[in-house]
Amino acid sequence: MLILLAFIIVFHITSAALLFISTIDNAWWVGHNFSTDVWRMCATNNNTCTAITDQFKEYQSIQAVQAAMILSTIFCCVAFLVFILQLFRLKQGERFVLTSIIQLLSCLCVMIAASIYTDRHEELHQSREYTVAVSKGQYGYSFVLAWIAFAFTLISGVMYLVLRKRK
C-alpha cells in the first residue's frame, strides 16, 4: 500500500509540474527565429519580447487559454492538498471522491485550453501586431506538455476515484 501511495503522490506532483511548465514556458508555437506562448511572443534574432495584449486579433481566445491553464494548475494543486487532508481524515474503506472530482476538473480545464489553442492557432498567428511572421511555425514542446498533462490528470483523477483508504 505504501508503494502505491508513493506512486500516486509522484504521479500527481509530475502532473502539477507539467502544468506549471506548459503554462509558464514560452514554447507553445515555435519557428526558426521566434517562440510564442499564451503570454508573449519573443523574437530570437534580436532578443525582444512582445506581450500579447488586446491589440492582437484573437485576444479573447488567448485569454480563454490563459484562464483555463491557470485554473487547471490551481485545481491540480488544490487536489493534491485535498488528497493529503483526506489521507488523514477519511475513514478506512472510503474513497477519495473529492480529490478525484477536483483533479478531473483540472483535466477538463487543460483539455479546454489545449483544444482552443489547437482550433484557433491559425487565426491566433495571423495578427499584424507580431514583429515576425509567426504563421510559419509549429507546435512547441509546451503545447505537447499541456496534452501530456491532460492525460496525466485524467489518469490520476480516475486513480483517486478507484482508490480506497486502507490501513
C-alpha atoms as a PDB file:
ATOM      1  CA  MET A   1       0.000   0.000   0.000  1.00  0.00           C
ATOM      2  CA  LEU A   2       2.859   2.357   0.807  1.00  0.00           C
ATOM      3  CA  ILE A   3       4.382   1.835  -2.653  1.00  0.00           C
ATOM      4  CA  LEU A   4       1.031   2.563  -4.326  1.00  0.00           C
ATOM      5  CA  LEU A   5       0.640   5.712  -2.243  1.00  0.00           C
ATOM      6  CA  ALA A   6       4.139   6.883  -3.153  1.00  0.00           C
ATOM      7  CA  PHE A   7       3.432   6.229  -6.847  1.00  0.00           C
ATOM      8  CA  ILE A   8       0.200   8.234  -6.717  1.00  0.00           C
ATOM      9  CA  ILE A   9       1.909  11.159  -4.992  1.00  0.00           C
ATOM     10  CA  VAL A  10       4.783  11.187  -7.503  1.00  0.00           C
ATOM     11  CA  PHE A  11       2.310  10.917 -10.397  1.00  0.00           C
ATOM     12  CA  HIS A  12       0.294  13.847  -9.052  1.00  0.00           C
ATOM     13  CA  ILE A  13       3.372  16.008  -8.498  1.00  0.00           C
ATOM     14  CA  THR A  14       4.524  15.190 -12.035  1.00  0.00           C
ATOM     15  CA  SER A  15       1.133  16.298 -13.357  1.00  0.00           C
ATOM     16  CA  ALA A  16       1.408  19.589 -11.489  1.00  0.00           C
ATOM     17  CA  ALA A  17       4.953  20.151 -12.764  1.00  0.00           C
ATOM     18  CA  LEU A  18       3.835  19.537 -16.351  1.00  0.00           C
ATOM     19  CA  LEU A  19       1.007  22.033 -15.901  1.00  0.00           C
ATOM     20  CA  PHE A  20       3.341  24.671 -14.459  1.00  0.00           C
ATOM     21  CA  ILE A  21       5.882  24.231 -17.259  1.00  0.00           C
ATOM     22  CA  SER A  22       3.319  24.271 -20.049  1.00  0.00           C
ATOM     23  CA  THR A  23       1.587  27.334 -18.605  1.00  0.00           C
ATOM     24  CA  ILE A  24       4.717  29.393 -17.984  1.00  0.00           C
ATOM     25  CA  ASP A  25       7.258  28.414 -20.635  1.00  0.00           C
ATOM     26  CA  ASN A  26       7.416  30.301 -23.934  1.00  0.00           C
ATOM     27  CA  ALA A  27       7.170  27.408 -26.399  1.00  0.00           C
ATOM     28  CA  TRP A  28       3.555  26.790 -27.463  1.00  0.00           C
ATOM     29  CA  TRP A  29       4.302  27.847 -31.049  1.00  0.00           C
ATOM     30  CA  VAL A  30       7.887  27.969 -32.311  1.00  0.00           C
ATOM     31  CA  GLY A  31       9.645  28.798 -35.525  1.00  0.00           C
ATOM     32  CA  HIS A  32      13.095  29.475 -36.922  1.00  0.00           C
ATOM     33  CA  ASN A  33      13.550  32.874 -35.272  1.00  0.00           C
ATOM     34  CA  PHE A  34      10.694  33.176 -32.766  1.00  0.00           C
ATOM     35  CA  SER A  35       8.815  31.451 -29.987  1.00  0.00           C
ATOM     36  CA  THR A  36       5.403  32.319 -28.652  1.00  0.00           C
ATOM     37  CA  ASP A  37       3.068  31.168 -25.931  1.00  0.00           C
ATOM     38  CA  VAL A  38      -0.174  32.421 -24.458  1.00  0.00           C
ATOM     39  CA  TRP A  39       1.550  35.361 -22.750  1.00  0.00           C
ATOM     40  CA  ARG A  40       4.121  36.812 -25.161  1.00  0.00           C
ATOM     41  CA  MET A  41       5.994  36.441 -28.448  1.00  0.00           C
ATOM     42  CA  CYS A  42       9.794  36.533 -28.449  1.00  0.00           C
ATOM     43  CA  ALA A  43      11.996  37.062 -31.479  1.00  0.00           C
ATOM     44  CA  THR A  44      15.266  35.183 -31.041  1.00  0.00           C
ATOM     45  CA  ASN A  45      17.248  37.161 -33.614  1.00  0.00           C
ATOM     46  CA  ASN A  46      17.069  40.450 -31.657  1.00  0.00           C
ATOM     47  CA  ASN A  47      16.043  39.133 -28.209  1.00  0.00           C
ATOM     48  CA  THR A  48      12.862  41.192 -27.934  1.00  0.00           C
ATOM     49  CA  CYS A  49       9.605  40.042 -26.441  1.00  0.00           C
ATOM     50  CA  THR A  50       6.165  41.461 -27.113  1.00  0.00           C
ATOM     51  CA  ALA A  51       3.344  40.926 -24.640  1.00  0.00           C
ATOM     52  CA  ILE A  52       0.118  39.664 -26.150  1.00  0.00           C
ATOM     53  CA  THR A  53      -2.462  42.341 -25.380  1.00  0.00           C
ATOM     54  CA  ASP A  54      -5.952  43.261 -26.529  1.00  0.00           C
ATOM     55  CA  GLN A  55      -4.461  44.791 -29.688  1.00  0.00           C
ATOM     56  CA  PHE A  56      -3.928  41.289 -31.081  1.00  0.00           C
ATOM     57  CA  LYS A  57      -6.508  39.826 -33.425  1.00  0.00           C
ATOM     58  CA  GLU A  58      -7.697  36.836 -31.379  1.00  0.00           C
ATOM     59  CA  TYR A  59      -7.036  38.122 -27.884  1.00  0.00           C
ATOM     60  CA  GLN A  60     -10.259  36.656 -26.471  1.00  0.00           C
ATOM     61  CA  SER A  61      -9.159  33.162 -27.488  1.00  0.00           C
ATOM     62  CA  ILE A  62      -5.753  33.687 -25.898  1.00  0.00           C
ATOM     63  CA  GLN A  63      -7.417  34.913 -22.708  1.00  0.00           C
ATOM     64  CA  ALA A  64      -9.567  31.779 -22.623  1.00  0.00           C
ATOM     65  CA  VAL A  65      -6.462  29.606 -22.966  1.00  0.00           C
ATOM     66  CA  GLN A  66      -4.681  31.616 -20.246  1.00  0.00           C
ATOM     67  CA  ALA A  67      -7.607  31.316 -17.849  1.00  0.00           C
ATOM     68  CA  ALA A  68      -8.118  27.607 -18.459  1.00  0.00           C
ATOM     69  CA  MET A  69      -4.417  26.804 -17.951  1.00  0.00           C
ATOM     70  CA  ILE A  70      -4.258  28.833 -14.737  1.00  0.00           C
ATOM     71  CA  LEU A  71      -7.417  27.157 -13.433  1.00  0.00           C
ATOM     72  CA  SER A  72      -6.054  23.756 -14.351  1.00  0.00           C
ATOM     73  CA  THR A  73      -2.849  24.389 -12.416  1.00  0.00           C
ATOM     74  CA  ILE A  74      -4.758  25.710  -9.401  1.00  0.00           C
ATOM     75  CA  PHE A  75      -7.171  22.753  -9.413  1.00  0.00           C
ATOM     76  CA  CYS A  76      -4.270  20.297  -9.612  1.00  0.00           C
ATOM     77  CA  CYS A  77      -2.538  21.887  -6.610  1.00  0.00           C
ATOM     78  CA  VAL A  78      -5.779  22.065  -4.624  1.00  0.00           C
ATOM     79  CA  ALA A  79      -6.486  18.408  -5.440  1.00  0.00           C
ATOM     80  CA  PHE A  80      -3.103  17.450  -4.016  1.00  0.00           C
ATOM     81  CA  LEU A  81      -3.777  19.353  -0.785  1.00  0.00           C
ATOM     82  CA  VAL A  82      -7.250  17.804  -0.502  1.00  0.00           C
ATOM     83  CA  PHE A  83      -5.715  14.358  -1.057  1.00  0.00           C
ATOM     84  CA  ILE A  84      -3.240  14.909   1.784  1.00  0.00           C
ATOM     85  CA  LEU A  85      -6.060  16.102   4.055  1.00  0.00           C
ATOM     86  CA  GLN A  86      -8.312  13.185   3.102  1.00  0.00           C
ATOM     87  CA  LEU A  87      -5.460  10.780   3.657  1.00  0.00           C
ATOM     88  CA  PHE A  88      -5.565  11.604   7.364  1.00  0.00           C
ATOM     89  CA  ARG A  89      -9.284  12.386   7.745  1.00  0.00           C
ATOM     90  CA  LEU A  90     -11.109   9.661   5.793  1.00  0.00           C
ATOM     91  CA  LYS A  91     -12.301   6.526   7.490  1.00  0.00           C
ATOM     92  CA  GLN A  92     -10.962   3.180   6.373  1.00  0.00           C
ATOM     93  CA  GLY A  93     -12.671   1.915   3.211  1.00  0.00           C
ATOM     94  CA  GLU A  94     -13.838   5.318   1.926  1.00  0.00           C
ATOM     95  CA  ARG A  95     -12.861   6.658  -1.486  1.00  0.00           C
ATOM     96  CA  PHE A  96     -11.070   9.866  -2.402  1.00  0.00           C
ATOM     97  CA  VAL A  97     -14.052  11.217  -4.332  1.00  0.00           C
ATOM     98  CA  LEU A  98     -13.494  14.922  -3.639  1.00  0.00           C
ATOM     99  CA  THR A  99      -9.857  14.673  -4.721  1.00  0.00           C
ATOM    100  CA  SER A 100     -10.943  12.862  -7.861  1.00  0.00           C
ATOM    101  CA  ILE A 101     -13.547  15.499  -8.743  1.00  0.00           C
ATOM    102  CA  ILE A 102     -11.066  18.348  -8.333  1.00  0.00           C
ATOM    103  CA  GLN A 103      -8.409  16.517 -10.363  1.00  0.00           C
ATOM    104  CA  LEU A 104     -10.917  15.772 -13.127  1.00  0.00           C
ATOM    105  CA  LEU A 105     -11.815  19.493 -13.168  1.00  0.00           C
ATOM    106  CA  SER A 106      -8.117  20.181 -13.705  1.00  0.00           C
ATOM    107  CA  CYS A 107      -8.156  17.666 -16.538  1.00  0.00           C
ATOM    108  CA  LEU A 108     -11.169  19.372 -18.102  1.00  0.00           C
ATOM    109  CA  CYS A 109      -9.555  22.827 -17.899  1.00  0.00           C
ATOM    110  CA  VAL A 110      -6.296  21.760 -19.545  1.00  0.00           C
ATOM    111  CA  MET A 111      -8.267  19.963 -22.262  1.00  0.00           C
ATOM    112  CA  ILE A 112     -10.302  23.117 -22.923  1.00  0.00           C
ATOM    113  CA  ALA A 113      -7.152  25.272 -23.112  1.00  0.00           C
ATOM    114  CA  ALA A 114      -5.274  22.948 -25.458  1.00  0.00           C
ATOM    115  CA  SER A 115      -8.372  22.417 -27.604  1.00  0.00           C
ATOM    116  CA  ILE A 116      -8.995  26.145 -28.009  1.00  0.00           C
ATOM    117  CA  TYR A 117      -5.343  26.681 -28.951  1.00  0.00           C
ATOM    118  CA  THR A 118      -5.476  23.787 -31.408  1.00  0.00           C
ATOM    119  CA  ASP A 119      -8.648  25.063 -33.034  1.00  0.00           C
ATOM    120  CA  ARG A 120      -7.718  28.749 -33.177  1.00  0.00           C
ATOM    121  CA  HIS A 121      -3.950  28.585 -33.825  1.00  0.00           C
ATOM    122  CA  GLU A 122      -4.211  29.733 -37.448  1.00  0.00           C
ATOM    123  CA  GLU A 123      -6.217  32.821 -36.518  1.00  0.00           C
ATOM    124  CA  LEU A 124      -4.041  33.455 -33.455  1.00  0.00           C
ATOM    125  CA  HIS A 125      -0.909  33.789 -35.545  1.00  0.00           C
ATOM    126  CA  GLN A 126      -2.298  35.980 -38.340  1.00  0.00           C
ATOM    127  CA  SER A 127      -2.245  39.206 -36.319  1.00  0.00           C
ATOM    128  CA  ARG A 128      -0.295  42.138 -37.782  1.00  0.00           C
ATOM    129  CA  GLU A 129       0.969  43.115 -34.327  1.00  0.00           C
ATOM    130  CA  TYR A 130       3.609  40.366 -34.381  1.00  0.00           C
ATOM    131  CA  THR A 131       7.077  41.630 -35.238  1.00  0.00           C
ATOM    132  CA  VAL A 132       7.962  38.467 -37.206  1.00  0.00           C
ATOM    133  CA  ALA A 133       5.930  36.118 -39.377  1.00  0.00           C
ATOM    134  CA  VAL A 134       4.729  33.626 -36.768  1.00  0.00           C
ATOM    135  CA  SER A 135       2.317  31.858 -39.118  1.00  0.00           C
ATOM    136  CA  LYS A 136       5.217  29.735 -40.407  1.00  0.00           C
ATOM    137  CA  GLY A 137       5.760  27.861 -37.173  1.00  0.00           C
ATOM    138  CA  GLN A 138       4.866  24.624 -35.494  1.00  0.00           C
ATOM    139  CA  TYR A 139       3.633  23.443 -32.143  1.00  0.00           C
ATOM    140  CA  GLY A 140       6.266  23.623 -29.437  1.00  0.00           C
ATOM    141  CA  TYR A 141       7.019  21.397 -26.503  1.00  0.00           C
ATOM    142  CA  SER A 142       4.895  23.403 -24.051  1.00  0.00           C
ATOM    143  CA  PHE A 143       1.841  22.639 -26.156  1.00  0.00           C
ATOM    144  CA  VAL A 144       2.768  18.951 -26.183  1.00  0.00           C
ATOM    145  CA  LEU A 145       3.321  19.053 -22.416  1.00  0.00           C
ATOM    146  CA  ALA A 146      -0.172  20.503 -21.997  1.00  0.00           C
ATOM    147  CA  TRP A 147      -1.657  17.484 -23.783  1.00  0.00           C
ATOM    148  CA  ILE A 148       0.524  15.112 -21.737  1.00  0.00           C
ATOM    149  CA  ALA A 149      -0.649  16.907 -18.582  1.00  0.00           C
ATOM    150  CA  PHE A 150      -4.216  16.310 -19.757  1.00  0.00           C
ATOM    151  CA  ALA A 151      -3.552  12.573 -19.923  1.00  0.00           C
ATOM    152  CA  PHE A 152      -1.778  12.563 -16.551  1.00  0.00           C
ATOM    153  CA  THR A 153      -4.534  14.484 -14.774  1.00  0.00           C
ATOM    154  CA  LEU A 154      -7.185  12.233 -16.315  1.00  0.00           C
ATOM    155  CA  ILE A 155      -5.363   9.090 -15.201  1.00  0.00           C
ATOM    156  CA  SER A 156      -4.739  10.415 -11.686  1.00  0.00           C
ATOM    157  CA  GLY A 157      -8.371  11.585 -11.399  1.00  0.00           C
ATOM    158  CA  VAL A 158      -9.551   8.070 -12.243  1.00  0.00           C
ATOM    159  CA  MET A 159      -6.966   6.557  -9.864  1.00  0.00           C
ATOM    160  CA  TYR A 160      -8.309   8.675  -6.995  1.00  0.00           C
ATOM    161  CA  LEU A 161     -11.844   7.592  -7.850  1.00  0.00           C
ATOM    162  CA  VAL A 162     -10.876   3.918  -7.622  1.00  0.00           C
ATOM    163  CA  LEU A 163      -8.515   4.257  -4.657  1.00  0.00           C
ATOM    164  CA  ARG A 164      -9.819   3.293  -1.208  1.00  0.00           C
ATOM    165  CA  LYS A 165      -8.227   4.174   2.064  1.00  0.00           C
ATOM    166  CA  ARG A 166      -6.625   1.158   3.664  1.00  0.00           C
ATOM    167  CA  LYS A 167      -4.563   0.580   6.781  1.00  0.00           C
END
